[in-house]
Amino acid sequence: MTNTWEDVAWKEETPRREWVVEYYAKVNGKSTHHLTVIRGEDMDDVQRLLMRELRSTYVEAHEIKVTILRMEEIEKEPNASLFTGSFRP
């Protein structure tokens, strides 16, 4: 039996938000400090995207040890007027 238009449950997508992720990656005894912004729906999505980023950054590595320092959603829009005249490209 087919569903009518009213019977179909429409699932809304969760909006993708920006998350700041700060971590150390240790590869072949060398530790590197990283700070990145990842757009994801939730923490699980951000972790999955971080793994993809690590695999593309360290293609030759057999083992990557990662220590997450912070992983938090960016909630505020920056106030650009605070930086006027302070920084130049």
C-alpha atoms as a PDB file:
ATOM      1  CA  MET A   1       0.000   0.000   0.000  1.00  0.00           C
ATOM      2  CA  THR A   2       1.406   3.371  -0.951  1.00  0.00           C
ATOM      3  CA  ASN A   3       1.470   6.288   1.428  1.00  0.00           C
ATOM      4  CA  THR A   4      -0.480   9.421   0.740  1.00  0.00           C
ATOM      5  CA  TRP A   5       1.199  12.834   0.833  1.00  0.00           C
ATOM      6  CA  GLU A   6      -0.049  13.374   4.400  1.00  0.00           C
ATOM      7  CA  ASP A   7       1.347  10.016   5.592  1.00  0.00           C
ATOM      8  CA  VAL A   8       4.925  10.773   4.621  1.00  0.00           C
ATOM      9  CA  ALA A   9       7.035  11.883   7.577  1.00  0.00           C
ATOM     10  CA  TRP A  10       9.355  14.608   6.354  1.00  0.00           C
ATOM     11  CA  LYS A  11      12.618  14.609   8.215  1.00  0.00           C
ATOM     12  CA  GLU A  12      14.184  18.036   8.560  1.00  0.00           C
ATOM     13  CA  GLU A  13      17.932  18.259   8.279  1.00  0.00           C
ATOM     14  CA  THR A  14      19.830  19.523  11.278  1.00  0.00           C
ATOM     15  CA  PRO A  15      21.598  22.734  10.277  1.00  0.00           C
ATOM     16  CA  ARG A  16      25.370  22.475  10.009  1.00  0.00           C
ATOM     17  CA  ARG A  17      27.147  24.599  12.580  1.00  0.00           C
ATOM     18  CA  GLU A  18      30.758  25.617  12.989  1.00  0.00           C
ATOM     19  CA  TRP A  19      32.863  23.862  15.628  1.00  0.00           C
ATOM     20  CA  VAL A  20      36.353  24.795  16.757  1.00  0.00           C
ATOM     21  CA  VAL A  21      38.633  21.810  17.325  1.00  0.00           C
ATOM     22  CA  GLU A  22      42.035  22.124  18.951  1.00  0.00           C
ATOM     23  CA  TYR A  23      44.185  19.020  19.150  1.00  0.00           C
ATOM     24  CA  TYR A  24      47.663  17.511  19.133  1.00  0.00           C
ATOM     25  CA  ALA A  25      48.514  14.916  16.502  1.00  0.00           C
ATOM     26  CA  LYS A  26      51.517  12.690  17.173  1.00  0.00           C
ATOM     27  CA  VAL A  27      52.955  10.949  14.112  1.00  0.00           C
ATOM     28  CA  ASN A  28      56.296   9.113  14.056  1.00  0.00           C
ATOM     29  CA  GLY A  29      57.249  10.623  17.423  1.00  0.00           C
ATOM     30  CA  LYS A  30      56.640  14.205  16.254  1.00  0.00           C
ATOM     31  CA  SER A  31      53.771  16.121  17.897  1.00  0.00           C
ATOM     32  CA  THR A  32      51.980  18.905  16.018  1.00  0.00           C
ATOM     33  CA  HIS A  33      49.483  21.364  17.476  1.00  0.00           C
ATOM     34  CA  HIS A  34      46.390  21.984  15.310  1.00  0.00           C
ATOM     35  CA  LEU A  35      43.479  24.412  15.440  1.00  0.00           C
ATOM     36  CA  THR A  36      40.705  23.938  12.890  1.00  0.00           C
ATOM     37  CA  VAL A  37      37.098  24.903  12.250  1.00  0.00           C
ATOM     38  CA  ILE A  38      34.783  22.132  11.066  1.00  0.00           C
ATOM     39  CA  ARG A  39      31.203  22.492   9.882  1.00  0.00           C
ATOM     40  CA  GLY A  40      29.040  19.672  11.252  1.00  0.00           C
ATOM     41  CA  GLU A  41      25.583  18.850  12.517  1.00  0.00           C
ATOM     42  CA  ASP A  42      26.605  17.430  15.902  1.00  0.00           C
ATOM     43  CA  MET A  43      29.655  16.177  17.791  1.00  0.00           C
ATOM     44  CA  ASP A  44      29.562  12.745  16.120  1.00  0.00           C
ATOM     45  CA  ASP A  45      29.557  14.389  12.695  1.00  0.00           C
ATOM     46  CA  VAL A  46      32.463  16.651  13.702  1.00  0.00           C
ATOM     47  CA  GLN A  47      34.480  13.661  14.944  1.00  0.00           C
ATOM     48  CA  ARG A  48      33.872  11.848  11.657  1.00  0.00           C
ATOM     49  CA  LEU A  49      34.943  14.918   9.649  1.00  0.00           C
ATOM     50  CA  LEU A  50      38.027  15.335  11.861  1.00  0.00           C
ATOM     51  CA  MET A  51      39.048  11.759  11.058  1.00  0.00           C
ATOM     52  CA  ARG A  52      38.688  12.541   7.349  1.00  0.00           C
ATOM     53  CA  GLU A  53      40.873  15.649   7.814  1.00  0.00           C
ATOM     54  CA  LEU A  54      43.522  13.654   9.680  1.00  0.00           C
ATOM     55  CA  ARG A  55      43.627  10.988   6.964  1.00  0.00           C
ATOM     56  CA  SER A  56      44.090  13.616   4.257  1.00  0.00           C
ATOM     57  CA  THR A  57      46.730  15.528   6.248  1.00  0.00           C
ATOM     58  CA  TYR A  58      48.781  12.482   7.260  1.00  0.00           C
ATOM     59  CA  VAL A  59      48.417  10.261   4.199  1.00  0.00           C
ATOM     60  CA  GLU A  60      51.636   8.297   4.759  1.00  0.00           C
ATOM     61  CA  ALA A  61      51.104   7.703   8.501  1.00  0.00           C
ATOM     62  CA  HIS A  62      50.290   4.212   9.744  1.00  0.00           C
ATOM     63  CA  GLU A  63      49.344   5.441  13.203  1.00  0.00           C
ATOM     64  CA  ILE A  64      48.142   8.850  14.392  1.00  0.00           C
ATOM     65  CA  LYS A  65      47.768   9.534  18.101  1.00  0.00           C
ATOM     66  CA  VAL A  66      45.332  12.395  18.671  1.00  0.00           C
ATOM     67  CA  THR A  67      44.746  14.330  21.884  1.00  0.00           C
ATOM     68  CA  ILE A  68      41.710  16.615  21.712  1.00  0.00           C
ATOM     69  CA  LEU A  69      42.168  19.781  23.770  1.00  0.00           C
ATOM     70  CA  ARG A  70      38.791  21.300  22.938  1.00  0.00           C
ATOM     71  CA  MET A  71      35.870  20.642  20.634  1.00  0.00           C
ATOM     72  CA  GLU A  72      33.096  23.164  20.998  1.00  0.00           C
ATOM     73  CA  GLU A  73      30.416  24.767  18.905  1.00  0.00           C
ATOM     74  CA  ILE A  74      31.009  28.358  17.861  1.00  0.00           C
ATOM     75  CA  GLU A  75      27.918  30.154  19.098  1.00  0.00           C
ATOM     76  CA  LYS A  76      28.642  33.820  18.518  1.00  0.00           C
ATOM     77  CA  GLU A  77      29.253  35.801  15.393  1.00  0.00           C
ATOM     78  CA  PRO A  78      32.477  37.804  15.674  1.00  0.00           C
ATOM     79  CA  ASN A  79      32.205  41.547  16.038  1.00  0.00           C
ATOM     80  CA  ALA A  80      34.319  42.777  13.106  1.00  0.00           C
ATOM     81  CA  SER A  81      34.414  46.309  14.463  1.00  0.00           C
ATOM     82  CA  LEU A  82      36.666  45.137  17.314  1.00  0.00           C
ATOM     83  CA  PHE A  83      39.396  44.325  14.788  1.00  0.00           C
ATOM     84  CA  THR A  84      39.219  47.463  12.663  1.00  0.00           C
ATOM     85  CA  GLY A  85      42.701  48.884  12.230  1.00  0.00           C
ATOM     86  CA  SER A  86      44.285  46.187  14.412  1.00  0.00           C
ATOM     87  CA  PHE A  87      45.169  43.707  11.699  1.00  0.00           C
ATOM     88  CA  ARG A  88      46.287  44.063   8.133  1.00  0.00           C
ATOM     89  CA  PRO A  89      46.543  41.389   5.448  1.00  0.00           C
END
